[in-house]
Amino acid sequence: MKGFKLFAPLLLMLLAFTDKTTPPPDSFCGIRNVSFKVDEEVSFTVYYAVAGIYVNAGNATFTSKLETLNNRPVFHVTGEGKTNSSYDWIYKVRDKYETYIDTGTMQPLKFVRNVNEGGYKKYQNITFNKNANTAIATDGVFKVPACVQDVVSAMYYARNIDFSKLEPEDKIPFSMFLDNEVFNMYIRYVGKEEIKTKYGKFRAIKIKPLLLKGQIFEGGEKMTVWITDDANHIPVRVESPLVVGKVKIDMMSHANLRHPLSSLIKRK
């Protein structure tokens, strides 16, 4: 993991790494999409802070389309992020992530990662063979669980969790294929609270991922994520300390939501 990844807080907000040898329970497989629809678009602004002063460092946008892959209907979700031109001289980021999610099972069939971060470039193209339970990557073929996610499909998977059935401190586990490895992960449901963001004031569901300590994030449950307490479950704020400084991400615009944004108390 090199440098400051613009997408890292958004893509990792739902990732919590636990023991690789213990798979998550099957009860969280086979989830159905009830939270988003085709042509949804949600955009975020990324703020970075050192010495307590936040600056607008970049933006990220996630869009969904309905397409066909190998004669199967899929949600083609694309996430693109970039630093602002005024920030490029410090660390230029141009990232694009794509996932193709089976509309019936909410399982990914294909994942593409194309990143350019401070001159570091990486391209990955992964195909998930659901019959053989394998991930076919550039570097080889890897065995994966029957129920597995990639870093983008996990976000949309998690949006469809029924949080009304959970109690505070409950964990939501799932498996993910990342950098040619399978990780068993969870997010912790904290509860509900109101949150003020750059967009407005929301009734929100609060969750905390348990992150591994790395070059960007501190370890433990120091990252906090708020998602709308309505049927859309879109993230409205992510906050986390970094190894150097802090990051705050706010949802700033949306289009074609599946449900009314009823969690919005007051628009700023």
Protein backbone atom coordinates (compact mmCIF):
# COMPACT_ATOMS: atom_id res chain seq x y z
CA MET A 1 0.00 0.00 0.00
CA LYS A 2 1.81 3.06 -1.25
CA GLY A 3 1.07 6.67 -0.39
CA PHE A 4 -2.30 8.27 0.33
CA LYS A 5 -5.04 6.41 -1.57
CA LEU A 6 -7.97 8.70 -2.16
CA PHE A 7 -10.41 5.79 -2.24
CA ALA A 8 -8.98 4.02 0.79
CA PRO A 9 -11.37 5.42 3.44
CA LEU A 10 -14.43 4.73 1.28
CA LEU A 11 -13.42 1.29 0.09
CA LEU A 12 -12.03 0.16 3.43
CA MET A 13 -14.76 1.62 5.61
CA LEU A 14 -16.53 -1.74 5.55
CA LEU A 15 -13.45 -3.93 5.81
CA ALA A 16 -12.30 -5.44 9.09
CA PHE A 17 -9.66 -8.12 9.09
CA THR A 18 -9.92 -11.12 11.39
CA ASP A 19 -8.52 -14.66 11.49
CA LYS A 20 -8.18 -15.99 7.93
CA THR A 21 -8.95 -19.55 9.01
CA THR A 22 -12.47 -18.97 10.38
CA PRO A 23 -15.09 -18.34 7.69
CA PRO A 24 -18.10 -16.11 8.36
CA PRO A 25 -21.50 -17.75 8.87
CA ASP A 26 -23.58 -18.59 5.79
CA SER A 27 -26.51 -16.55 7.11
CA PHE A 28 -25.02 -13.45 5.48
CA CYS A 29 -24.85 -15.00 2.01
CA GLY A 30 -27.61 -14.69 -0.57
CA ILE A 31 -28.53 -11.14 0.38
CA ARG A 32 -30.95 -9.34 -1.97
CA ASN A 33 -30.68 -5.81 -3.32
CA VAL A 34 -33.30 -3.52 -1.78
CA SER A 35 -31.20 -0.36 -1.33
CA PHE A 36 -30.13 0.97 -4.75
CA LYS A 37 -31.29 1.04 -8.34
CA VAL A 38 -29.82 1.36 -11.80
CA ASP A 39 -28.33 4.77 -12.66
CA GLU A 40 -27.77 5.74 -9.03
CA GLU A 41 -24.92 8.21 -8.58
CA VAL A 42 -23.40 9.30 -5.27
CA SER A 43 -20.49 11.73 -4.96
CA PHE A 44 -18.20 12.50 -2.04
CA THR A 45 -15.68 15.15 -1.07
CA VAL A 46 -12.49 14.04 0.67
CA TYR A 47 -11.03 16.34 3.32
CA TYR A 48 -7.53 15.81 4.70
CA ALA A 49 -6.27 17.43 7.87
CA VAL A 50 -2.89 18.02 9.47
CA ALA A 51 -2.67 20.08 12.68
CA GLY A 52 -6.47 20.21 12.86
CA ILE A 53 -7.02 22.14 9.61
CA TYR A 54 -9.09 20.33 6.97
CA VAL A 55 -8.48 21.01 3.29
CA ASN A 56 -10.49 19.82 0.30
CA ALA A 57 -8.13 17.18 -1.13
CA GLY A 58 -10.26 15.45 -3.75
CA ASN A 59 -13.50 13.77 -4.71
CA ALA A 60 -14.96 10.36 -5.46
CA THR A 61 -18.07 9.27 -7.36
CA PHE A 62 -19.85 5.91 -7.48
CA THR A 63 -22.30 5.05 -10.27
CA SER A 64 -24.31 1.93 -11.11
CA LYS A 65 -25.52 0.66 -14.49
CA LEU A 66 -27.45 -2.42 -15.59
CA GLU A 67 -25.48 -4.51 -18.08
CA THR A 68 -25.03 -8.12 -19.22
CA LEU A 69 -21.94 -10.20 -18.50
CA ASN A 70 -21.71 -13.74 -19.91
CA ASN A 71 -25.46 -13.68 -20.54
CA ARG A 72 -26.20 -12.75 -16.92
CA PRO A 73 -27.68 -9.41 -15.78
CA VAL A 74 -25.23 -7.51 -13.61
CA PHE A 75 -24.94 -4.22 -11.77
CA HIS A 76 -21.86 -2.55 -13.23
CA VAL A 77 -20.67 -0.30 -10.40
CA THR A 78 -17.86 2.15 -11.09
CA GLY A 79 -15.97 4.14 -8.49
CA GLU A 80 -13.68 6.93 -9.64
CA GLY A 81 -11.57 9.17 -7.46
CA LYS A 82 -9.05 11.92 -8.00
CA THR A 83 -7.20 14.57 -6.11
CA ASN A 84 -7.97 18.21 -6.81
CA SER A 85 -5.60 19.99 -9.19
CA SER A 86 -4.34 22.14 -6.32
CA TYR A 87 -3.39 18.96 -4.43
CA ASP A 88 -1.85 17.13 -7.41
CA TRP A 89 1.59 18.63 -6.87
CA ILE A 90 1.70 16.97 -3.45
CA TYR A 91 0.29 13.60 -4.45
CA LYS A 92 -1.64 13.05 -7.67
CA VAL A 93 -4.32 10.35 -7.64
CA ARG A 94 -6.41 9.03 -10.51
CA ASP A 95 -8.18 5.83 -9.44
CA LYS A 96 -10.87 3.72 -11.05
CA TYR A 97 -12.50 0.63 -9.55
CA GLU A 98 -15.19 -1.46 -11.24
CA THR A 99 -17.26 -4.41 -10.10
CA TYR A 100 -19.85 -6.48 -11.93
CA ILE A 101 -22.40 -7.81 -9.41
CA ASP A 102 -24.88 -10.58 -10.17
CA THR A 103 -28.30 -8.95 -9.76
CA GLY A 104 -29.80 -12.11 -8.26
CA THR A 105 -27.16 -13.05 -5.69
CA MET A 106 -25.30 -9.74 -5.08
CA GLN A 107 -22.07 -11.68 -5.61
CA PRO A 108 -19.30 -10.19 -7.80
CA LEU A 109 -18.52 -11.87 -11.11
CA LYS A 110 -15.72 -9.54 -12.19
CA PHE A 111 -13.53 -6.88 -10.57
CA VAL A 112 -11.24 -4.35 -12.27
CA ARG A 113 -8.79 -2.05 -10.50
CA ASN A 114 -6.87 0.63 -12.39
CA VAL A 115 -4.99 3.05 -10.15
CA ASN A 116 -2.39 5.76 -10.54
CA GLU A 117 -1.27 7.09 -7.18
CA GLY A 118 1.72 9.38 -7.02
CA GLY A 119 3.26 7.64 -10.01
CA TYR A 120 2.52 4.15 -8.65
CA LYS A 121 0.37 2.32 -11.18
CA LYS A 122 -1.46 -0.96 -10.79
CA TYR A 123 -3.97 -2.78 -12.96
CA GLN A 124 -5.93 -5.86 -11.87
CA ASN A 125 -8.62 -7.80 -13.70
CA ILE A 126 -10.25 -10.57 -11.66
CA THR A 127 -12.96 -12.99 -12.78
CA PHE A 128 -14.89 -14.99 -10.18
CA ASN A 129 -15.83 -18.51 -11.27
CA LYS A 130 -18.82 -19.33 -9.09
CA ASN A 131 -18.99 -22.96 -10.25
CA ALA A 132 -15.40 -23.72 -9.26
CA ASN A 133 -15.24 -21.17 -6.41
CA THR A 134 -12.08 -19.60 -7.80
CA ALA A 135 -10.80 -16.12 -8.54
CA ILE A 136 -8.90 -15.91 -11.81
CA ALA A 137 -6.43 -13.04 -11.48
CA THR A 138 -3.44 -11.76 -13.43
CA ASP A 139 -1.14 -13.60 -11.04
CA GLY A 140 -2.92 -16.95 -11.09
CA VAL A 141 -6.00 -18.86 -9.98
CA PHE A 142 -6.99 -18.71 -6.31
CA LYS A 143 -9.51 -20.68 -4.29
CA VAL A 144 -12.24 -18.53 -2.74
CA PRO A 145 -15.34 -19.18 -0.62
CA ALA A 146 -18.70 -19.64 -2.34
CA CYS A 147 -19.81 -16.34 -0.82
CA VAL A 148 -17.07 -13.76 -1.42
CA GLN A 149 -16.88 -10.04 -2.14
CA ASP A 150 -14.44 -7.59 -3.72
CA VAL A 151 -13.71 -4.15 -2.26
CA VAL A 152 -16.46 -2.36 -4.20
CA SER A 153 -19.16 -5.04 -4.18
CA ALA A 154 -18.72 -5.20 -0.39
CA MET A 155 -19.96 -1.62 -0.08
CA TYR A 156 -23.16 -2.40 -1.97
CA TYR A 157 -23.54 -5.71 -0.17
CA ALA A 158 -23.32 -3.94 3.19
CA ARG A 159 -25.90 -1.35 2.14
CA ASN A 160 -28.45 -4.16 1.96
CA ILE A 161 -27.94 -5.41 5.51
CA ASP A 162 -31.07 -5.15 7.64
CA PHE A 163 -29.66 -3.20 10.59
CA SER A 164 -33.06 -3.23 12.32
CA LYS A 165 -32.40 -6.85 13.27
CA LEU A 166 -29.11 -6.02 14.99
CA GLU A 167 -28.25 -4.95 18.51
CA PRO A 168 -25.43 -2.52 19.34
CA GLU A 169 -22.04 -4.27 19.31
CA ASP A 170 -23.25 -6.99 16.91
CA LYS A 171 -20.73 -7.91 14.21
CA ILE A 172 -21.56 -8.40 10.53
CA PRO A 173 -19.01 -10.81 9.00
CA PHE A 174 -18.20 -11.62 5.37
CA SER A 175 -15.32 -12.82 3.19
CA MET A 176 -13.36 -10.73 0.71
CA PHE A 177 -10.80 -11.42 -2.00
CA LEU A 178 -8.13 -8.71 -1.93
CA ASP A 179 -4.58 -8.71 -3.34
CA ASN A 180 -4.76 -12.43 -4.12
CA GLU A 181 -5.80 -13.38 -0.59
CA VAL A 182 -9.07 -14.22 1.13
CA PHE A 183 -9.81 -12.26 4.29
CA ASN A 184 -12.62 -12.91 6.75
CA MET A 185 -13.92 -9.56 7.95
CA TYR A 186 -16.61 -7.82 9.92
CA ILE A 187 -18.05 -4.44 10.73
CA ARG A 188 -19.40 -3.59 14.16
CA TYR A 189 -22.87 -2.07 14.45
CA VAL A 190 -22.68 0.74 17.03
CA GLY A 191 -26.21 2.13 16.96
CA LYS A 192 -28.07 5.18 15.69
CA GLU A 193 -27.44 8.89 16.12
CA GLU A 194 -27.84 12.23 14.38
CA ILE A 195 -24.87 13.58 12.43
CA LYS A 196 -24.17 16.98 10.85
CA THR A 197 -22.25 16.89 7.58
CA LYS A 198 -21.33 19.35 4.84
CA TYR A 199 -24.54 18.26 3.10
CA GLY A 200 -26.91 18.53 6.06
CA LYS A 201 -28.17 16.90 9.24
CA PHE A 202 -29.10 13.21 9.12
CA ARG A 203 -30.54 10.42 11.20
CA ALA A 204 -27.80 7.87 10.73
CA ILE A 205 -26.69 4.32 11.43
CA LYS A 206 -23.24 4.27 13.00
CA ILE A 207 -20.74 1.49 12.29
CA LYS A 208 -17.07 0.88 13.06
CA PRO A 209 -14.71 -1.28 11.01
CA LEU A 210 -11.81 -3.02 12.76
CA LEU A 211 -8.82 -2.12 10.58
CA LEU A 212 -5.36 -3.59 10.38
CA LYS A 213 -2.56 -1.20 11.14
CA GLY A 214 -0.81 -0.23 7.93
CA GLN A 215 0.90 2.59 6.07
CA ILE A 216 -2.32 4.64 5.93
CA PHE A 217 -4.64 3.65 8.76
CA GLU A 218 -4.02 3.15 12.44
CA GLY A 219 -5.15 -0.21 13.73
CA GLY A 220 -8.26 -0.89 15.81
CA GLU A 221 -11.75 0.55 15.61
CA LYS A 222 -10.78 4.18 15.13
CA MET A 223 -12.64 4.66 11.85
CA THR A 224 -16.29 5.64 12.12
CA VAL A 225 -18.87 5.50 9.33
CA TRP A 226 -22.39 6.96 9.27
CA ILE A 227 -24.93 5.71 6.72
CA THR A 228 -28.44 7.03 6.17
CA ASP A 229 -31.06 5.58 8.50
CA ASP A 230 -33.44 4.98 5.63
CA ALA A 231 -33.80 2.32 2.95
CA ASN A 232 -30.95 3.74 0.82
CA HIS A 233 -28.17 3.18 3.37
CA ILE A 234 -25.77 5.53 1.59
CA PRO A 235 -22.66 6.69 3.48
CA VAL A 236 -22.91 10.33 4.48
CA ARG A 237 -19.70 10.64 6.51
CA VAL A 238 -16.50 8.69 7.12
CA GLU A 239 -13.93 9.81 9.69
CA SER A 240 -10.60 8.26 10.56
CA PRO A 241 -7.19 9.14 11.89
CA LEU A 242 -4.34 8.28 9.54
CA VAL A 243 -0.73 7.51 10.33
CA VAL A 244 -0.16 11.17 9.46
CA GLY A 245 -3.16 13.48 9.87
CA LYS A 246 -6.86 12.71 9.61
CA VAL A 247 -9.39 12.17 6.86
CA LYS A 248 -13.06 13.12 6.66
CA ILE A 249 -15.33 12.20 3.74
CA ASP A 250 -18.80 13.66 3.23
CA MET A 251 -21.51 12.77 0.75
CA MET A 252 -22.11 15.93 -1.25
CA SER A 253 -24.53 14.96 -4.02
CA HIS A 254 -26.78 12.13 -5.15
CA ALA A 255 -29.04 11.25 -8.05
CA ASN A 256 -31.55 8.52 -8.84
CA LEU A 257 -31.80 7.07 -5.36
CA ARG A 258 -34.11 4.09 -5.07
CA HIS A 259 -35.92 5.48 -2.03
CA PRO A 260 -36.65 8.97 -0.63
CA LEU A 261 -33.84 10.37 1.47
CA SER A 262 -36.10 10.35 4.51
CA SER A 263 -33.20 10.37 6.97
CA LEU A 264 -32.34 13.96 6.02
CA ILE A 265 -33.48 16.22 8.85
CA LYS A 266 -32.23 19.52 7.47
CA ARG A 267 -30.41 20.47 4.27
CA LYS A 268 -27.43 22.73 4.92
